Amino acid sequence: MLLARDPLLSSGALRQTNMTPGLRYRNLGKSGLRVSNVGLGTWVTFGPGVTESEAENVVVLAYESGVNLFDVSEAHCGPRAELELGRILQRRGWKRSSYVVCTKIYWNSKSDERGLSRKHIIESVKASLARLQLAYIDVVLIHKADPMCPMEEVVRAMHHVVCQGWAMYWGTARWTPGEVMEAYSNCRQFNCTTPVCEQAEYHLFCRDKAELYMPELYNKIGVGLMAWSPLTMGLISGKFDEAGFPLISRSSFKSKRSSYSWTEDETTAAASKETYAWIKERLEPEELRRQQDRQREICLVAERLGCTVPQLAVAWCLKNESVQCLLLGATSPAQLYESIQSLQLVPKLNATTMTDLERILDNKPTRPPIVSTLALR
């Protein structure tokens, strides 16, 4: 098994002595900002059911293991994540240049902040700075594009945020490739700071955007990929109930203990239901059966490699060179430690193993064929 070292590292130890094997630092997009190839996604760490001391232990373990990127978002657990992370950073007194804080500008059609106006962007950044107790934020991401707000206003507002020194870089989260290209074009047209990364979903069962379009965006306009949701909301945990359906804790929907592929409204509705019928309803019976078969075969591959299924899922994501930073979530140091050890598994994923996984998944994305309009005449 890959778990061989005590996950509860001493908080007083020097960071350099606990550097995790396989941890690398890469440029985020084509910027000069160097980030660890795995980051801590705190949507789980600061969620309900996790005390402040437990959350601090997770953050400290990440930092002492060499992880330098911490991602927070009010979309998942409100302002608590920024408040608690800010207090932890203040208590620990780590050198400011040794870590990267990434936060989001979040808007919801049902809240008072109903768009990406210049007013909301600037107010949101200032509020985040106050909660984090920082002089600046390293990367500010815009969570979802706003079709009702002119893109020129969005990029000019983000350029202003960077010029004021409130943020060093900006990027996007859950934008389509077309929206990212539109933002870049507006930045070039109006001489504004361009986005450096897109935060996108990527895991064994969601591959199209990360594998087909993000490499092209990186090569053409320098937008890198920060991936989230490697464990697919617990659906690839490797555990099944008597009916053969993957075991999922109901609390995972209330507290969002795992990342998810659906919208926030759908997960809220899921938490109020007594059963998982809503999941089964989303999948056709035949597709559900195929999904279960795939998961069982993935379990066999993990056993052959001597690792857990979540570790295999994380290592598979890291095998993609387009992923410059993969966000990991954890509610305890032991859980984070297990995920971080996936770095040692990446070299074991040789061509034979990857071919086996491709055969099992049978979902390798391909571009649709180009249809000539001349042929239609």
Protein backbone atom coordinates (compact mmCIF):
# COMPACT_ATOMS: atom_id res chain seq x y z
CA MET A 1 0.00 0.00 0.00
CA LEU A 2 1.09 3.57 -0.58
CA LEU A 3 0.21 4.66 2.97
CA ALA A 4 3.44 4.18 4.88
CA ARG A 5 4.13 7.31 6.93
CA ASP A 6 2.33 8.91 9.87
CA PRO A 7 -0.14 11.45 8.47
CA LEU A 8 -0.05 13.60 11.61
CA LEU A 9 3.13 15.53 11.02
CA SER A 10 4.53 17.80 13.70
CA SER A 11 3.45 21.40 13.13
CA GLY A 12 6.84 22.60 14.24
CA ALA A 13 8.81 20.65 11.68
CA LEU A 14 10.59 22.43 8.90
CA ARG A 15 8.67 22.39 5.65
CA GLN A 16 11.64 21.24 3.59
CA THR A 17 12.07 18.02 5.60
CA ASN A 18 8.55 16.82 4.76
CA MET A 19 8.56 17.41 1.02
CA THR A 20 6.37 14.75 -0.54
CA PRO A 21 7.91 12.48 -3.20
CA GLY A 22 6.40 13.30 -6.57
CA LEU A 23 5.43 16.85 -5.65
CA ARG A 24 6.37 19.30 -8.40
CA TYR A 25 5.98 23.02 -8.94
CA ARG A 26 4.66 24.23 -12.27
CA ASN A 27 3.86 27.55 -13.86
CA LEU A 28 0.16 28.35 -13.71
CA GLY A 29 -0.76 28.88 -17.33
CA LYS A 30 1.96 30.83 -19.09
CA SER A 31 2.41 33.15 -16.12
CA GLY A 32 5.45 33.17 -13.87
CA LEU A 33 3.46 32.00 -10.82
CA ARG A 34 4.74 28.64 -9.58
CA VAL A 35 2.20 26.37 -7.88
CA SER A 36 2.38 22.81 -6.56
CA ASN A 37 0.88 20.18 -8.84
CA VAL A 38 -1.65 19.43 -6.10
CA GLY A 39 -3.48 22.10 -4.12
CA LEU A 40 -5.85 22.09 -1.17
CA GLY A 41 -9.45 22.71 -2.17
CA THR A 42 -11.05 23.87 1.07
CA TRP A 43 -14.69 23.41 -0.02
CA VAL A 44 -14.61 20.30 2.22
CA THR A 45 -12.13 21.35 4.89
CA PHE A 46 -14.19 24.31 6.09
CA GLY A 47 -17.55 22.66 5.60
CA PRO A 48 -20.10 21.78 8.29
CA GLY A 49 -19.02 19.07 10.71
CA VAL A 50 -15.33 20.01 10.62
CA THR A 51 -14.07 21.98 13.62
CA GLU A 52 -11.63 24.86 13.28
CA SER A 53 -8.85 22.87 14.93
CA GLU A 54 -9.40 19.94 12.56
CA ALA A 55 -9.39 22.29 9.59
CA GLU A 56 -6.15 23.87 10.79
CA ASN A 57 -4.52 20.43 11.07
CA VAL A 58 -5.43 19.75 7.43
CA VAL A 59 -4.04 23.11 6.25
CA VAL A 60 -0.85 22.62 8.26
CA LEU A 61 -0.32 19.12 6.85
CA ALA A 62 -0.79 20.42 3.32
CA TYR A 63 1.70 23.25 3.86
CA GLU A 64 4.30 21.04 5.53
CA SER A 65 3.95 18.47 2.74
CA GLY A 66 4.96 21.12 0.19
CA VAL A 67 1.51 22.10 -1.08
CA ASN A 68 1.55 25.85 -1.65
CA LEU A 69 -1.88 26.55 -3.18
CA PHE A 70 -5.04 26.97 -1.08
CA ASP A 71 -8.34 27.40 -2.90
CA VAL A 72 -11.37 28.90 -1.15
CA SER A 73 -14.84 29.80 -2.36
CA GLU A 74 -18.01 31.15 -0.78
CA ALA A 75 -19.97 29.12 -3.32
CA HIS A 76 -19.40 25.99 -1.25
CA CYS A 77 -19.37 27.02 2.43
CA GLY A 78 -20.03 30.76 2.49
CA PRO A 79 -17.55 33.23 3.98
CA ARG A 80 -16.39 30.71 6.61
CA ALA A 81 -13.58 29.36 4.40
CA GLU A 82 -11.95 32.77 3.91
CA LEU A 83 -12.41 33.73 7.56
CA GLU A 84 -10.88 30.55 8.94
CA LEU A 85 -8.07 30.35 6.41
CA GLY A 86 -7.20 33.97 7.19
CA ARG A 87 -7.04 33.22 10.92
CA ILE A 88 -4.89 30.13 10.35
CA LEU A 89 -2.43 32.05 8.17
CA GLN A 90 -2.20 34.79 10.78
CA ARG A 91 -1.59 32.34 13.64
CA ARG A 92 1.02 30.35 11.76
CA GLY A 93 2.93 33.36 10.53
CA TRP A 94 4.19 31.62 7.40
CA LYS A 95 6.21 33.68 4.97
CA ARG A 96 3.78 35.31 2.53
CA SER A 97 5.81 34.30 -0.50
CA SER A 98 5.61 30.62 0.49
CA TYR A 99 1.92 30.11 -0.27
CA VAL A 100 -0.65 31.01 -2.91
CA VAL A 101 -4.24 31.90 -2.02
CA CYS A 102 -6.89 31.46 -4.68
CA THR A 103 -10.42 32.72 -4.10
CA LYS A 104 -13.49 33.30 -6.24
CA ILE A 105 -15.92 36.03 -7.14
CA TYR A 106 -19.21 34.20 -6.78
CA TRP A 107 -22.62 35.32 -7.92
CA ASN A 108 -26.00 33.62 -7.82
CA SER A 109 -29.17 34.49 -9.67
CA LYS A 110 -31.10 34.14 -6.38
CA SER A 111 -28.85 36.38 -4.28
CA ASP A 112 -28.50 40.15 -4.03
CA GLU A 113 -25.32 39.99 -6.11
CA ARG A 114 -26.95 38.97 -9.36
CA GLY A 115 -24.13 39.38 -11.84
CA LEU A 116 -20.58 40.35 -12.64
CA SER A 117 -20.95 44.11 -12.64
CA ARG A 118 -17.89 46.23 -11.90
CA LYS A 119 -19.55 47.13 -8.60
CA HIS A 120 -19.97 43.51 -7.50
CA ILE A 121 -16.48 42.47 -8.62
CA ILE A 122 -14.70 45.23 -6.70
CA GLU A 123 -16.89 44.85 -3.60
CA SER A 124 -16.35 41.08 -3.62
CA VAL A 125 -12.56 41.38 -3.85
CA LYS A 126 -12.41 43.95 -1.05
CA ALA A 127 -14.59 41.75 1.17
CA SER A 128 -12.35 38.74 0.49
CA LEU A 129 -9.24 40.74 1.41
CA ALA A 130 -10.84 41.73 4.71
CA ARG A 131 -11.90 38.18 5.55
CA LEU A 132 -8.52 36.69 4.61
CA GLN A 133 -6.61 39.46 6.42
CA LEU A 134 -4.19 39.68 3.49
CA ALA A 135 -2.65 42.61 1.67
CA TYR A 136 -3.33 40.92 -1.65
CA ILE A 137 -4.82 37.74 -3.13
CA ASP A 138 -2.64 35.72 -5.47
CA VAL A 139 -5.34 34.51 -7.89
CA VAL A 140 -8.95 35.69 -8.12
CA LEU A 141 -11.25 33.47 -10.17
CA ILE A 142 -14.65 34.44 -11.55
CA HIS A 143 -17.06 31.61 -10.77
CA LYS A 144 -19.31 31.22 -13.83
CA ALA A 145 -19.68 33.75 -16.63
CA ASP A 146 -22.53 36.25 -16.64
CA PRO A 147 -24.37 36.39 -19.99
CA MET A 148 -26.20 39.55 -18.88
CA CYS A 149 -23.02 41.56 -18.28
CA PRO A 150 -20.83 42.86 -21.13
CA MET A 151 -17.52 41.02 -21.25
CA GLU A 152 -15.74 44.36 -21.65
CA GLU A 153 -17.01 45.44 -18.22
CA VAL A 154 -15.82 42.18 -16.64
CA VAL A 155 -12.29 42.30 -18.03
CA ARG A 156 -11.89 46.03 -17.33
CA ALA A 157 -12.98 45.44 -13.72
CA MET A 158 -10.50 42.58 -13.29
CA HIS A 159 -7.76 44.68 -14.86
CA HIS A 160 -8.54 47.39 -12.31
CA VAL A 161 -8.33 44.84 -9.47
CA VAL A 162 -4.89 43.72 -10.63
CA CYS A 163 -3.63 47.27 -11.20
CA GLN A 164 -4.71 48.26 -7.68
CA GLY A 165 -2.58 45.44 -6.26
CA TRP A 166 -5.59 43.68 -4.71
CA ALA A 167 -4.82 40.58 -6.79
CA MET A 168 -1.74 39.39 -8.67
CA TYR A 169 -3.56 37.32 -11.29
CA TRP A 170 -7.10 36.50 -12.36
CA GLY A 171 -8.76 33.55 -13.99
CA THR A 172 -12.08 31.81 -14.58
CA ALA A 173 -13.99 28.86 -13.16
CA ARG A 174 -16.61 26.77 -14.97
CA TRP A 175 -16.45 28.91 -18.12
CA THR A 176 -16.89 27.40 -21.57
CA PRO A 177 -13.90 27.52 -23.94
CA GLY A 178 -15.82 30.06 -26.04
CA GLU A 179 -16.33 32.34 -23.02
CA VAL A 180 -12.65 32.13 -22.11
CA MET A 181 -11.69 33.05 -25.68
CA GLU A 182 -14.12 35.96 -25.63
CA ALA A 183 -12.58 37.26 -22.39
CA TYR A 184 -9.07 36.95 -23.84
CA SER A 185 -10.08 38.76 -27.05
CA ASN A 186 -11.59 41.62 -25.03
CA CYS A 187 -8.43 41.83 -22.92
CA ARG A 188 -6.31 42.18 -26.03
CA GLN A 189 -8.66 44.69 -27.60
CA PHE A 190 -8.77 46.94 -24.53
CA ASN A 191 -5.19 46.31 -23.37
CA CYS A 192 -6.24 44.59 -20.13
CA THR A 193 -4.60 41.87 -18.04
CA THR A 194 -5.43 38.45 -19.50
CA PRO A 195 -6.68 35.46 -17.45
CA VAL A 196 -4.04 32.88 -16.52
CA CYS A 197 -6.13 29.78 -15.77
CA GLU A 198 -9.50 28.08 -15.95
CA GLN A 199 -10.71 25.95 -13.05
CA ALA A 200 -12.54 23.03 -14.62
CA GLU A 201 -14.03 19.71 -13.62
CA TYR A 202 -11.88 16.70 -14.52
CA HIS A 203 -12.08 13.09 -13.45
CA LEU A 204 -12.50 9.58 -14.80
CA PHE A 205 -16.05 10.22 -15.97
CA CYS A 206 -15.74 13.85 -17.13
CA ARG A 207 -12.99 14.36 -19.69
CA ASP A 208 -14.09 16.34 -22.75
CA LYS A 209 -13.25 19.89 -21.70
CA ALA A 210 -9.94 19.11 -19.97
CA GLU A 211 -8.60 16.82 -22.69
CA LEU A 212 -9.98 18.38 -25.88
CA TYR A 213 -10.14 22.12 -25.29
CA MET A 214 -7.88 23.13 -22.41
CA PRO A 215 -4.61 22.09 -24.14
CA GLU A 216 -5.66 24.24 -27.11
CA LEU A 217 -6.43 27.22 -24.88
CA TYR A 218 -3.04 26.84 -23.22
CA ASN A 219 -1.14 26.66 -26.50
CA LYS A 220 -3.05 29.53 -28.15
CA ILE A 221 -3.63 32.04 -25.34
CA GLY A 222 -1.68 30.73 -22.34
CA VAL A 223 -4.66 29.79 -20.13
CA GLY A 224 -3.70 26.92 -17.83
CA LEU A 225 -5.84 24.23 -16.20
CA MET A 226 -6.59 23.98 -12.49
CA ALA A 227 -8.70 20.84 -12.10
CA TRP A 228 -11.27 19.98 -9.45
CA SER A 229 -13.55 17.04 -8.61
CA PRO A 230 -11.12 14.12 -8.97
CA LEU A 231 -13.33 11.92 -6.77
CA THR A 232 -16.63 12.68 -8.52
CA MET A 233 -18.78 13.34 -5.47
CA GLY A 234 -17.84 9.96 -3.97
CA LEU A 235 -19.19 7.95 -6.91
CA ILE A 236 -15.84 6.22 -7.40
CA SER A 237 -15.12 5.41 -3.78
CA GLY A 238 -15.03 1.72 -4.64
CA LYS A 239 -17.77 0.79 -2.14
CA PHE A 240 -21.16 -0.61 -3.13
CA ASP A 241 -24.42 -1.42 -1.39
CA GLU A 242 -26.26 -4.74 -1.61
CA ALA A 243 -27.97 -3.64 -4.81
CA GLY A 244 -24.63 -2.83 -6.40
CA PHE A 245 -25.09 0.94 -6.22
CA PRO A 246 -22.11 3.05 -5.06
CA LEU A 247 -22.23 3.97 -1.39
CA ILE A 248 -22.67 7.71 -0.83
CA SER A 249 -23.20 9.44 2.47
CA ARG A 250 -26.30 11.67 2.58
CA SER A 251 -24.26 14.22 4.53
CA SER A 252 -22.02 14.62 1.50
CA PHE A 253 -24.81 16.55 -0.22
CA LYS A 254 -25.56 18.81 2.74
CA SER A 255 -21.96 19.65 3.51
CA LYS A 256 -20.60 19.08 0.00
CA ARG A 257 -17.91 16.80 1.43
CA SER A 258 -17.01 15.82 -2.09
CA SER A 259 -16.98 17.85 -5.24
CA TYR A 260 -19.92 17.50 -7.57
CA SER A 261 -20.78 17.55 -11.23
CA TRP A 262 -24.24 19.12 -10.95
CA THR A 263 -25.47 22.58 -10.08
CA GLU A 264 -25.76 23.96 -6.55
CA ASP A 265 -29.57 23.95 -6.77
CA GLU A 266 -29.62 20.26 -7.65
CA THR A 267 -27.39 19.28 -4.73
CA THR A 268 -29.59 21.27 -2.35
CA ALA A 269 -32.61 19.39 -3.62
CA ALA A 270 -30.76 16.10 -3.26
CA ALA A 271 -30.06 16.75 0.40
CA SER A 272 -33.77 17.01 1.14
CA LYS A 273 -34.61 13.61 -0.37
CA GLU A 274 -34.64 10.46 1.72
CA THR A 275 -33.19 8.17 -0.91
CA TYR A 276 -30.81 8.26 -3.85
CA ALA A 277 -33.57 7.69 -6.37
CA TRP A 278 -32.76 11.07 -7.90
CA ILE A 279 -29.32 9.78 -8.93
CA LYS A 280 -30.73 6.64 -10.45
CA GLU A 281 -33.32 8.72 -12.30
CA ARG A 282 -30.53 10.80 -13.88
CA LEU A 283 -28.98 7.68 -15.39
CA GLU A 284 -30.74 5.29 -17.69
CA PRO A 285 -30.84 1.71 -16.32
CA GLU A 286 -28.44 0.47 -18.98
CA GLU A 287 -26.01 3.35 -18.37
CA LEU A 288 -26.23 2.75 -14.62
CA ARG A 289 -25.32 -0.89 -15.08
CA ARG A 290 -22.35 0.02 -17.28
CA GLN A 291 -21.20 2.56 -14.70
CA GLN A 292 -21.28 -0.06 -11.96
CA ASP A 293 -19.33 -2.52 -14.11
CA ARG A 294 -16.70 0.12 -14.81
CA GLN A 295 -16.32 0.90 -11.11
CA ARG A 296 -15.84 -2.76 -10.22
CA GLU A 297 -13.12 -3.14 -12.85
CA ILE A 298 -11.43 0.04 -11.61
CA CYS A 299 -11.40 -1.52 -8.11
CA LEU A 300 -9.53 -4.52 -9.54
CA VAL A 301 -6.93 -2.26 -11.17
CA ALA A 302 -6.43 -0.44 -7.86
CA GLU A 303 -5.94 -3.75 -6.04
CA ARG A 304 -3.36 -4.79 -8.60
CA LEU A 305 -1.44 -1.54 -8.07
CA GLY A 306 -1.68 -1.83 -4.27
CA CYS A 307 -3.58 1.41 -3.77
CA THR A 308 -7.08 2.63 -3.00
CA VAL A 309 -9.59 3.63 -5.68
CA PRO A 310 -9.49 7.33 -4.66
CA GLN A 311 -5.70 7.25 -4.96
CA LEU A 312 -5.95 5.75 -8.42
CA ALA A 313 -8.49 8.42 -9.43
CA VAL A 314 -6.19 11.22 -8.27
CA ALA A 315 -3.10 9.70 -9.91
CA TRP A 316 -5.00 9.25 -13.18
CA CYS A 317 -5.84 12.97 -13.21
CA LEU A 318 -2.22 13.91 -12.48
CA LYS A 319 -1.06 11.76 -15.38
CA ASN A 320 -2.51 14.38 -17.72
CA GLU A 321 0.26 16.93 -18.35
CA SER A 322 -2.33 19.62 -19.08
CA VAL A 323 -3.34 19.62 -15.40
CA GLN A 324 -1.02 22.16 -13.80
CA CYS A 325 -2.68 21.97 -10.40
CA LEU A 326 -5.15 19.38 -9.09
CA LEU A 327 -7.29 20.43 -6.14
CA LEU A 328 -7.74 17.86 -3.36
CA GLY A 329 -10.38 18.04 -0.65
CA ALA A 330 -10.07 16.53 2.84
CA THR A 331 -11.88 16.63 6.17
CA SER A 332 -8.97 15.16 8.14
CA PRO A 333 -5.16 14.97 7.94
CA ALA A 334 -5.38 11.21 7.30
CA GLN A 335 -7.66 11.73 4.31
CA LEU A 336 -5.41 14.42 2.86
CA TYR A 337 -2.35 12.29 3.48
CA GLU A 338 -3.88 9.40 1.55
CA SER A 339 -4.64 11.68 -1.41
CA ILE A 340 -1.19 13.26 -1.41
CA GLN A 341 0.45 9.83 -1.53
CA SER A 342 -1.18 9.39 -4.94
CA LEU A 343 1.77 11.35 -6.29
CA GLN A 344 3.93 8.25 -5.80
CA LEU A 345 1.48 6.22 -7.87
CA VAL A 346 1.76 8.35 -11.02
CA PRO A 347 4.98 6.67 -12.30
CA LYS A 348 3.31 3.26 -11.90
CA LEU A 349 0.62 4.22 -14.40
CA ASN A 350 2.54 2.90 -17.39
CA ALA A 351 1.22 2.51 -20.92
CA THR A 352 -0.24 -0.93 -20.17
CA THR A 353 -2.16 0.29 -17.13
CA MET A 354 -3.43 3.39 -18.91
CA THR A 355 -4.58 1.22 -21.83
CA ASP A 356 -6.46 -1.02 -19.41
CA LEU A 357 -8.15 2.00 -17.85
CA GLU A 358 -9.09 3.37 -21.28
CA ARG A 359 -10.67 0.02 -22.13
CA ILE A 360 -12.64 0.02 -18.87
CA LEU A 361 -13.79 3.62 -19.13
CA ASP A 362 -14.53 3.52 -22.85
CA ASN A 363 -15.12 7.29 -22.84
CA LYS A 364 -12.06 8.78 -24.49
CA PRO A 365 -13.23 12.15 -25.87
CA THR A 366 -13.03 12.80 -29.59
CA ARG A 367 -13.76 15.90 -31.59
CA PRO A 368 -16.87 15.79 -33.77
CA PRO A 369 -16.07 15.46 -37.47
CA ILE A 370 -15.79 18.64 -39.46
CA VAL A 371 -18.72 18.99 -41.82
CA SER A 372 -18.21 21.08 -44.92
CA THR A 373 -21.06 23.44 -45.72
CA LEU A 374 -20.23 23.00 -49.40
CA ALA A 375 -21.13 19.31 -49.18
CA LEU A 376 -24.65 20.21 -48.08
CA ARG A 377 -25.44 22.02 -51.31
